PDB file of N, CA and C in Angstrom:
ATOM      1  N   MET A   1     -15.853   9.337   2.094  1.00  0.00           N
ATOM      2  CA  MET A   1     -14.412   9.210   2.123  1.00  0.00           C
ATOM      3  C   MET A   1     -13.924   8.662   0.787  1.00  0.00           C
ATOM      4  N   PHE A   2     -12.833   9.223   0.284  1.00  0.00           N
ATOM      5  CA  PHE A   2     -12.264   8.786  -0.985  1.00  0.00           C
ATOM      6  C   PHE A   2     -11.581   7.438  -0.827  1.00  0.00           C
ATOM      7  N   THR A   3     -11.905   6.507  -1.706  1.00  0.00           N
ATOM      8  CA  THR A   3     -11.253   5.211  -1.738  1.00  0.00           C
ATOM      9  C   THR A   3     -10.832   4.962  -3.179  1.00  0.00           C
ATOM     10  N   PRO A   4      -9.516   4.774  -3.420  1.00  0.00           N
ATOM     11  CA  PRO A   4      -9.086   4.539  -4.792  1.00  0.00           C
ATOM     12  C   PRO A   4      -9.635   3.224  -5.328  1.00  0.00           C
ATOM     13  N   LYS A   5      -9.861   3.196  -6.623  1.00  0.00           N
ATOM     14  CA  LYS A   5     -10.320   1.966  -7.257  1.00  0.00           C
ATOM     15  C   LYS A   5      -9.155   0.993  -7.307  1.00  0.00           C
ATOM     16  N   ASN A   6      -9.387  -0.229  -6.852  1.00  0.00           N
ATOM     17  CA  ASN A   6      -8.393  -1.294  -6.858  1.00  0.00           C
ATOM     18  C   ASN A   6      -7.085  -0.872  -6.171  1.00  0.00           C
ATOM     19  N   PRO A   7      -7.138  -0.571  -4.867  1.00  0.00           N
ATOM     20  CA  PRO A   7      -5.928  -0.170  -4.152  1.00  0.00           C
ATOM     21  C   PRO A   7      -5.056  -1.371  -3.772  1.00  0.00           C
ATOM     22  N   CYS A   8      -3.776  -1.107  -3.596  1.00  0.00           N
ATOM     23  CA  CYS A   8      -2.874  -2.111  -3.023  1.00  0.00           C
ATOM     24  C   CYS A   8      -3.430  -2.458  -1.651  1.00  0.00           C
ATOM     25  N   GLN A   9      -3.499  -3.715  -1.335  1.00  0.00           N
ATOM     26  CA  GLN A   9      -4.063  -4.175  -0.068  1.00  0.00           C
ATOM     27  C   GLN A   9      -3.061  -4.123   1.081  1.00  0.00           C
ATOM     28  N   SER A  10      -1.963  -3.376   0.873  1.00  0.00           N
ATOM     29  CA  SER A  10      -0.995  -3.145   1.924  1.00  0.00           C
ATOM     30  C   SER A  10      -0.837  -1.647   2.202  1.00  0.00           C
ATOM     31  N   CYS A  11      -0.606  -0.845   1.142  1.00  0.00           N
ATOM     32  CA  CYS A  11      -0.353   0.585   1.324  1.00  0.00           C
ATOM     33  C   CYS A  11      -1.499   1.478   0.869  1.00  0.00           C
ATOM     34  N   GLY A  12      -2.414   0.952   0.064  1.00  0.00           N
ATOM     35  CA  GLY A  12      -3.552   1.730  -0.404  1.00  0.00           C
ATOM     36  C   GLY A  12      -3.331   2.466  -1.714  1.00  0.00           C
ATOM     37  N   MET A  13      -2.144   2.376  -2.288  1.00  0.00           N
ATOM     38  CA  MET A  13      -1.882   3.047  -3.555  1.00  0.00           C
ATOM     39  C   MET A  13      -2.733   2.415  -4.657  1.00  0.00           C
ATOM     40  N   PRO A  14      -3.337   3.240  -5.523  1.00  0.00           N
ATOM     41  CA  PRO A  14      -4.092   2.648  -6.635  1.00  0.00           C
ATOM     42  C   PRO A  14      -3.149   1.818  -7.512  1.00  0.00           C
ATOM     43  N   LEU A  15      -3.502   0.574  -7.786  1.00  0.00           N
ATOM     44  CA  LEU A  15      -2.629  -0.289  -8.591  1.00  0.00           C
ATOM     45  C   LEU A  15      -2.428   0.265  -9.997  1.00  0.00           C
ATOM     46  N   SER A  16      -3.349   1.109 -10.455  1.00  0.00           N
ATOM     47  CA  SER A  16      -3.191   1.729 -11.763  1.00  0.00           C
ATOM     48  C   SER A  16      -2.006   2.694 -11.795  1.00  0.00           C
ATOM     49  N   LYS A  17      -1.535   3.139 -10.638  1.00  0.00           N
ATOM     50  CA  LYS A  17      -0.384   4.047 -10.544  1.00  0.00           C
ATOM     51  C   LYS A  17       0.942   3.287 -10.437  1.00  0.00           C
ATOM     52  N   ASP A  18       0.884   1.972 -10.266  1.00  0.00           N
ATOM     53  CA  ASP A  18       2.090   1.151 -10.153  1.00  0.00           C
ATOM     54  C   ASP A  18       2.661   0.917 -11.555  1.00  0.00           C
ATOM     55  N   LYS A  19       3.865   1.417 -11.792  1.00  0.00           N
ATOM     56  CA  LYS A  19       4.489   1.288 -13.115  1.00  0.00           C
ATOM     57  C   LYS A  19       4.683  -0.162 -13.543  1.00  0.00           C
ATOM     58  N   LYS A  20       4.781  -1.061 -12.569  1.00  0.00           N
ATOM     59  CA  LYS A  20       4.949  -2.486 -12.881  1.00  0.00           C
ATOM     60  C   LYS A  20       3.616  -3.227 -12.939  1.00  0.00           C
ATOM     61  N   GLY A  21       2.530  -2.538 -12.620  1.00  0.00           N
ATOM     62  CA  GLY A  21       1.205  -3.141 -12.688  1.00  0.00           C
ATOM     63  C   GLY A  21       0.813  -3.968 -11.489  1.00  0.00           C
ATOM     64  N   GLY A  22       1.699  -4.089 -10.505  1.00  0.00           N
ATOM     65  CA  GLY A  22       1.430  -4.859  -9.295  1.00  0.00           C
ATOM     66  C   GLY A  22       2.661  -5.628  -8.857  1.00  0.00           C
ATOM     67  N   GLY A  23       2.554  -6.257  -7.720  1.00  0.00           N
ATOM     68  CA  GLY A  23       3.642  -7.088  -7.224  1.00  0.00           C
ATOM     69  C   GLY A  23       3.684  -8.407  -7.973  1.00  0.00           C
ATOM     70  N   THR A  24       4.572  -9.292  -7.540  1.00  0.00           N
ATOM     71  CA  THR A  24       4.690 -10.588  -8.202  1.00  0.00           C
ATOM     72  C   THR A  24       4.513 -11.730  -7.210  1.00  0.00           C
ATOM     73  N   ASN A  25       3.947 -12.829  -7.712  1.00  0.00           N
ATOM     74  CA  ASN A  25       3.805 -14.054  -6.933  1.00  0.00           C
ATOM     75  C   ASN A  25       5.114 -14.833  -6.995  1.00  0.00           C
ATOM     76  N   ARG A  26       5.208 -15.909  -6.231  1.00  0.00           N
ATOM     77  CA  ARG A  26       6.416 -16.743  -6.213  1.00  0.00           C
ATOM     78  C   ARG A  26       6.826 -17.212  -7.605  1.00  0.00           C
ATOM     79  N   ASP A  27       5.830 -17.516  -8.439  1.00  0.00           N
ATOM     80  CA  ASP A  27       6.122 -18.026  -9.778  1.00  0.00           C
ATOM     81  C   ASP A  27       6.395 -16.918 -10.800  1.00  0.00           C
ATOM     82  N   GLY A  28       6.426 -15.663 -10.341  1.00  0.00           N
ATOM     83  CA  GLY A  28       6.710 -14.543 -11.220  1.00  0.00           C
ATOM     84  C   GLY A  28       5.500 -13.910 -11.880  1.00  0.00           C
ATOM     85  N   THR A  29       4.327 -14.507 -11.691  1.00  0.00           N
ATOM     86  CA  THR A  29       3.117 -13.930 -12.272  1.00  0.00           C
ATOM     87  C   THR A  29       2.719 -12.678 -11.499  1.00  0.00           C
ATOM     88  N   LEU A  30       1.963 -11.828 -12.147  1.00  0.00           N
ATOM     89  CA  LEU A  30       1.518 -10.576 -11.563  1.00  0.00           C
ATOM     90  C   LEU A  30       0.504 -10.816 -10.450  1.00  0.00           C
ATOM     91  N   ASN A  31       0.697 -10.140  -9.345  1.00  0.00           N
ATOM     92  CA  ASN A  31      -0.242 -10.209  -8.233  1.00  0.00           C
ATOM     93  C   ASN A  31      -1.154  -8.997  -8.325  1.00  0.00           C
ATOM     94  N   LYS A  32      -2.450  -9.212  -8.340  1.00  0.00           N
ATOM     95  CA  LYS A  32      -3.428  -8.139  -8.527  1.00  0.00           C
ATOM     96  C   LYS A  32      -3.924  -7.520  -7.218  1.00  0.00           C
ATOM     97  N   GLU A  33      -3.371  -7.958  -6.072  1.00  0.00           N
ATOM     98  CA  GLU A  33      -3.802  -7.400  -4.784  1.00  0.00           C
ATOM     99  C   GLU A  33      -2.791  -6.424  -4.187  1.00  0.00           C
ATOM    100  N   TYR A  34      -1.528  -6.612  -4.482  1.00  0.00           N
ATOM    101  CA  TYR A  34      -0.476  -5.809  -3.862  1.00  0.00           C
ATOM    102  C   TYR A  34       0.406  -5.149  -4.911  1.00  0.00           C
ATOM    103  N   CYS A  35       0.901  -3.943  -4.607  1.00  0.00           N
ATOM    104  CA  CYS A  35       1.764  -3.214  -5.536  1.00  0.00           C
ATOM    105  C   CYS A  35       3.203  -3.741  -5.477  1.00  0.00           C
ATOM    106  N   SER A  36       3.984  -3.340  -6.467  1.00  0.00           N
ATOM    107  CA  SER A  36       5.376  -3.791  -6.549  1.00  0.00           C
ATOM    108  C   SER A  36       6.247  -3.164  -5.467  1.00  0.00           C
ATOM    109  N   HIS A  37       5.782  -2.090  -4.837  1.00  0.00           N
ATOM    110  CA  HIS A  37       6.541  -1.460  -3.754  1.00  0.00           C
ATOM    111  C   HIS A  37       6.411  -2.261  -2.451  1.00  0.00           C
ATOM    112  N   CYS A  38       5.327  -3.008  -2.333  1.00  0.00           N
ATOM    113  CA  CYS A  38       5.040  -3.748  -1.099  1.00  0.00           C
ATOM    114  C   CYS A  38       5.295  -5.252  -1.206  1.00  0.00           C
ATOM    115  N   TYR A  39       5.164  -5.824  -2.402  1.00  0.00           N
ATOM    116  CA  TYR A  39       5.100  -7.282  -2.541  1.00  0.00           C
ATOM    117  C   TYR A  39       5.893  -7.743  -3.757  1.00  0.00           C
ATOM    118  N   THR A  40       6.782  -8.710  -3.563  1.00  0.00           N
ATOM    119  CA  THR A  40       7.549  -9.260  -4.672  1.00  0.00           C
ATOM    120  C   THR A  40       7.905 -10.712  -4.394  1.00  0.00           C
ATOM    121  N   LYS A  41       7.870 -11.515  -5.422  1.00  0.00           N
ATOM    122  CA  LYS A  41       8.201 -12.942  -5.331  1.00  0.00           C
ATOM    123  C   LYS A  41       7.397 -13.665  -4.246  1.00  0.00           C
ATOM    124  N   GLY A  42       6.139 -13.236  -4.060  1.00  0.00           N
ATOM    125  CA  GLY A  42       5.255 -13.921  -3.123  1.00  0.00           C
ATOM    126  C   GLY A  42       5.400 -13.535  -1.671  1.00  0.00           C
ATOM    127  N   THR A  43       6.188 -12.500  -1.375  1.00  0.00           N
ATOM    128  CA  THR A  43       6.349 -12.067   0.019  1.00  0.00           C
ATOM    129  C   THR A  43       6.350 -10.542   0.108  1.00  0.00           C
ATOM    130  N   PHE A  44       6.032 -10.057   1.287  1.00  0.00           N
ATOM    131  CA  PHE A  44       6.098  -8.620   1.520  1.00  0.00           C
ATOM    132  C   PHE A  44       7.556  -8.195   1.600  1.00  0.00           C
ATOM    133  N   LYS A  45       7.876  -7.049   1.021  1.00  0.00           N
ATOM    134  CA  LYS A  45       9.247  -6.540   1.053  1.00  0.00           C
ATOM    135  C   LYS A  45       9.673  -6.188   2.469  1.00  0.00           C
ATOM    136  N   GLU A  46       8.736  -5.730   3.282  1.00  0.00           N
ATOM    137  CA  GLU A  46       9.007  -5.404   4.680  1.00  0.00           C
ATOM    138  C   GLU A  46       8.030  -6.187   5.558  1.00  0.00           C
ATOM    139  N   PRO A  47       8.311  -7.473   5.781  1.00  0.00           N
ATOM    140  CA  PRO A  47       7.349  -8.329   6.483  1.00  0.00           C
ATOM    141  C   PRO A  47       7.094  -7.933   7.937  1.00  0.00           C
ATOM    142  N   ASN A  48       8.025  -7.240   8.572  1.00  0.00           N
ATOM    143  CA  ASN A  48       7.865  -6.869   9.979  1.00  0.00           C
ATOM    144  C   ASN A  48       7.310  -5.465  10.178  1.00  0.00           C
ATOM    145  N   LEU A  49       6.931  -4.811   9.085  1.00  0.00           N
ATOM    146  CA  LEU A  49       6.377  -3.473   9.153  1.00  0.00           C
ATOM    147  C   LEU A  49       5.047  -3.501   9.903  1.00  0.00           C
ATOM    148  N   THR A  50       4.859  -2.565  10.816  1.00  0.00           N
ATOM    149  CA  THR A  50       3.598  -2.490  11.558  1.00  0.00           C
ATOM    150  C   THR A  50       2.623  -1.569  10.826  1.00  0.00           C
ATOM    151  N   LEU A  51       1.382  -1.614  11.224  1.00  0.00           N
ATOM    152  CA  LEU A  51       0.364  -0.751  10.649  1.00  0.00           C
ATOM    153  C   LEU A  51       0.746   0.719  10.815  1.00  0.00           C
ATOM    154  N   ASP A  52       1.160   1.106  12.005  1.00  0.00           N
ATOM    155  CA  ASP A  52       1.541   2.500  12.238  1.00  0.00           C
ATOM    156  C   ASP A  52       2.746   2.909  11.392  1.00  0.00           C
ATOM    157  N   GLN A  53       3.695   1.998  11.221  1.00  0.00           N
ATOM    158  CA  GLN A  53       4.853   2.297  10.378  1.00  0.00           C
ATOM    159  C   GLN A  53       4.431   2.472   8.919  1.00  0.00           C
ATOM    160  N   MET A  54       3.461   1.669   8.463  1.00  0.00           N
ATOM    161  CA  MET A  54       2.971   1.816   7.089  1.00  0.00           C
ATOM    162  C   MET A  54       2.289   3.170   6.920  1.00  0.00           C
ATOM    163  N   LYS A  55       1.466   3.555   7.877  1.00  0.00           N
ATOM    164  CA  LYS A  55       0.810   4.853   7.805  1.00  0.00           C
ATOM    165  C   LYS A  55       1.844   5.973   7.713  1.00  0.00           C
ATOM    166  N   ASP A  56       2.883   5.905   8.559  1.00  0.00           N
ATOM    167  CA  ASP A  56       3.943   6.920   8.544  1.00  0.00           C
ATOM    168  C   ASP A  56       4.684   6.922   7.210  1.00  0.00           C
ATOM    169  N   LYS A  57       4.928   5.740   6.680  1.00  0.00           N
ATOM    170  CA  LYS A  57       5.642   5.617   5.410  1.00  0.00           C
ATOM    171  C   LYS A  57       4.833   6.251   4.274  1.00  0.00           C
ATOM    172  N   VAL A  58       3.545   5.960   4.225  1.00  0.00           N
ATOM    173  CA  VAL A  58       2.680   6.517   3.184  1.00  0.00           C
ATOM    174  C   VAL A  58       2.573   8.033   3.343  1.00  0.00           C
ATOM    175  N   GLN A  59       2.395   8.507   4.570  1.00  0.00           N
ATOM    176  CA  GLN A  59       2.321   9.944   4.796  1.00  0.00           C
ATOM    177  C   GLN A  59       3.618  10.631   4.382  1.00  0.00           C
ATOM    178  N   GLY A  60       4.756   9.990   4.649  1.00  0.00           N
ATOM    179  CA  GLY A  60       6.052  10.533   4.241  1.00  0.00           C
ATOM    180  C   GLY A  60       6.186  10.612   2.731  1.00  0.00           C
ATOM    181  N   LYS A  61       5.725   9.584   2.048  1.00  0.00           N
ATOM    182  CA  LYS A  61       5.787   9.568   0.582  1.00  0.00           C
ATOM    183  C   LYS A  61       4.898  10.672   0.003  1.00  0.00           C
ATOM    184  N   LEU A  62       3.710  10.834   0.572  1.00  0.00           N
ATOM    185  CA  LEU A  62       2.811  11.887   0.103  1.00  0.00           C
ATOM    186  C   LEU A  62       3.421  13.266   0.356  1.00  0.00           C
ATOM    187  N   LYS A  63       4.111  13.414   1.477  1.00  0.00           N
ATOM    188  CA  LYS A  63       4.771  14.686   1.790  1.00  0.00           C
ATOM    189  C   LYS A  63       5.864  14.984   0.763  1.00  0.00           C
ATOM    190  N   GLU A  64       6.604  13.952   0.346  1.00  0.00           N
ATOM    191  CA  GLU A  64       7.627  14.115  -0.690  1.00  0.00           C
ATOM    192  C   GLU A  64       7.008  14.620  -1.992  1.00  0.00           C
ATOM    193  N   MET A  65       5.735  14.276  -2.201  1.00  0.00           N
ATOM    194  CA  MET A  65       5.019  14.685  -3.409  1.00  0.00           C
ATOM    195  C   MET A  65       4.333  16.040  -3.208  1.00  0.00           C
ATOM    196  N   TRP A  66       4.689  16.739  -2.142  1.00  0.00           N
ATOM    197  CA  TRP A  66       4.166  18.056  -1.810  1.00  0.00           C
ATOM    198  C   TRP A  66       2.669  18.046  -1.501  1.00  0.00           C
ATOM    199  N   ILE A  67       2.182  16.942  -0.991  1.00  0.00           N
ATOM    200  CA  ILE A  67       0.782  16.842  -0.578  1.00  0.00           C
ATOM    201  C   ILE A  67       0.722  17.226   0.905  1.00  0.00           C
ATOM    202  N   PRO A  68      -0.126  18.183   1.271  1.00  0.00           N
ATOM    203  CA  PRO A  68      -0.195  18.629   2.670  1.00  0.00           C
ATOM    204  C   PRO A  68      -0.463  17.472   3.636  1.00  0.00           C
ATOM    205  N   SER A  69       0.093  17.595   4.837  1.00  0.00           N
ATOM    206  CA  SER A  69      -0.004  16.507   5.814  1.00  0.00           C
ATOM    207  C   SER A  69      -1.440  16.177   6.194  1.00  0.00           C
ATOM    208  N   PHE A  70      -2.328  17.168   6.248  1.00  0.00           N
ATOM    209  CA  PHE A  70      -3.711  16.862   6.612  1.00  0.00           C
ATOM    210  C   PHE A  70      -4.375  15.994   5.542  1.00  0.00           C
ATOM    211  N   ILE A  71      -3.986  16.153   4.300  1.00  0.00           N
ATOM    212  CA  ILE A  71      -4.519  15.303   3.238  1.00  0.00           C
ATOM    213  C   ILE A  71      -3.896  13.911   3.331  1.00  0.00           C
ATOM    214  N   GLY A  72      -2.602  13.838   3.661  1.00  0.00           N
ATOM    215  CA  GLY A  72      -1.936  12.548   3.853  1.00  0.00           C
ATOM    216  C   GLY A  72      -2.594  11.737   4.954  1.00  0.00           C
ATOM    217  N   LYS A  73      -2.952  12.392   6.033  1.00  0.00           N
ATOM    218  CA  LYS A  73      -3.633  11.706   7.137  1.00  0.00           C
ATOM    219  C   LYS A  73      -5.010  11.215   6.701  1.00  0.00           C
ATOM    220  N   TYR A  74      -5.671  11.999   5.874  1.00  0.00           N
ATOM    221  CA  TYR A  74      -6.982  11.607   5.354  1.00  0.00           C
ATOM    222  C   TYR A  74      -6.860  10.346   4.501  1.00  0.00           C
ATOM    223  N   PHE A  75      -5.867  10.315   3.610  1.00  0.00           N
ATOM    224  CA  PHE A  75      -5.693   9.160   2.728  1.00  0.00           C
ATOM    225  C   PHE A  75      -5.277   7.897   3.486  1.00  0.00           C
ATOM    226  N   THR A  76      -4.575   8.038   4.596  1.00  0.00           N
ATOM    227  CA  THR A  76      -4.116   6.850   5.329  1.00  0.00           C
ATOM    228  C   THR A  76      -5.160   6.307   6.301  1.00  0.00           C
ATOM    229  N   ARG A  77      -6.264   6.982   6.456  1.00  0.00           N
ATOM    230  CA  ARG A  77      -7.312   6.505   7.380  1.00  0.00           C
ATOM    231  C   ARG A  77      -7.863   5.142   6.987  1.00  0.00           C
ATOM    232  N   SER A  78      -7.841   4.820   5.702  1.00  0.00           N
ATOM    233  CA  SER A  78      -8.421   3.551   5.250  1.00  0.00           C
ATOM    234  C   SER A  78      -7.423   2.389   5.276  1.00  0.00           C
ATOM    235  N   ILE A  79      -6.168   2.635   5.556  1.00  0.00           N
ATOM    236  CA  ILE A  79      -5.164   1.561   5.546  1.00  0.00           C
ATOM    237  C   ILE A  79      -5.526   0.411   6.499  1.00  0.00           C
ATOM    238  N   PRO A  80      -6.040   0.666   7.708  1.00  0.00           N
ATOM    239  CA  PRO A  80      -6.370  -0.457   8.604  1.00  0.00           C
ATOM    240  C   PRO A  80      -7.416  -1.426   8.040  1.00  0.00           C
ATOM    241  N   GLN A  81      -8.213  -0.993   7.069  1.00  0.00           N
ATOM    242  CA  GLN A  81      -9.227  -1.863   6.490  1.00  0.00           C
ATOM    243  C   GLN A  81      -8.701  -2.704   5.323  1.00  0.00           C
ATOM    244  N   LEU A  82      -7.462  -2.485   4.906  1.00  0.00           N
ATOM    245  CA  LEU A  82      -6.895  -3.253   3.802  1.00  0.00           C
ATOM    246  C   LEU A  82      -6.585  -4.683   4.243  1.00  0.00           C
ATOM    247  N   LYS A  83      -6.573  -5.591   3.303  1.00  0.00           N
ATOM    248  CA  LYS A  83      -6.432  -7.033   3.569  1.00  0.00           C
ATOM    249  C   LYS A  83      -5.236  -7.363   4.461  1.00  0.00           C
ATOM    250  N   ARG A  84      -4.074  -6.796   4.167  1.00  0.00           N
ATOM    251  CA  ARG A  84      -2.874  -7.112   4.953  1.00  0.00           C
ATOM    252  C   ARG A  84      -3.083  -6.793   6.432  1.00  0.00           C
ATOM    253  N   TRP A  85      -3.712  -5.697   6.730  1.00  0.00           N
ATOM    254  CA  TRP A  85      -3.839  -5.236   8.114  1.00  0.00           C
ATOM    255  C   TRP A  85      -5.064  -5.816   8.807  1.00  0.00           C
ATOM    256  N   ARG A  86      -6.101  -6.127   8.074  1.00  0.00           N
ATOM    257  CA  ARG A  86      -7.264  -6.808   8.679  1.00  0.00           C
ATOM    258  C   ARG A  86      -6.847  -8.152   9.232  1.00  0.00           C
ATOM    259  N   ALA A  87      -5.970  -8.846   8.519  1.00  0.00           N
ATOM    260  CA  ALA A  87      -5.521 -10.183   8.923  1.00  0.00           C
ATOM    261  C   ALA A  87      -4.712 -10.144  10.218  1.00  0.00           C
ATOM    262  N   SER A  88      -4.096  -8.989  10.527  1.00  0.00           N
ATOM    263  CA  SER A  88      -3.247  -8.913  11.715  1.00  0.00           C
ATOM    264  C   SER A  88      -4.002  -8.486  12.968  1.00  0.00           C
ATOM    265  N   LYS A  89      -5.283  -8.206  12.840  1.00  0.00           N
ATOM    266  CA  LYS A  89      -6.068  -7.767  14.011  1.00  0.00           C
ATOM    267  C   LYS A  89      -6.420  -8.926  14.895  1.00  0.00           C
TER     268      LYS A  89
END
């Protein structure tokens, strides 16, 4: 199974694809675990988002990029193993 190198621990996006280089901590420093789409100023942008909602959100974004849905489902299979979602089990 494909696993991106250094993925966001919330959505799975490779942090190398984040134009901002990652999210930010409370003190404004760069956070190396979460992307800027998911995490800013030390908190998740959507703190009440569920695992299933994240999977749907990622699949929707991939669809916008013209990536077939079966590939989107393949890429989202690893989301439950990411740090944010392991902690909620």
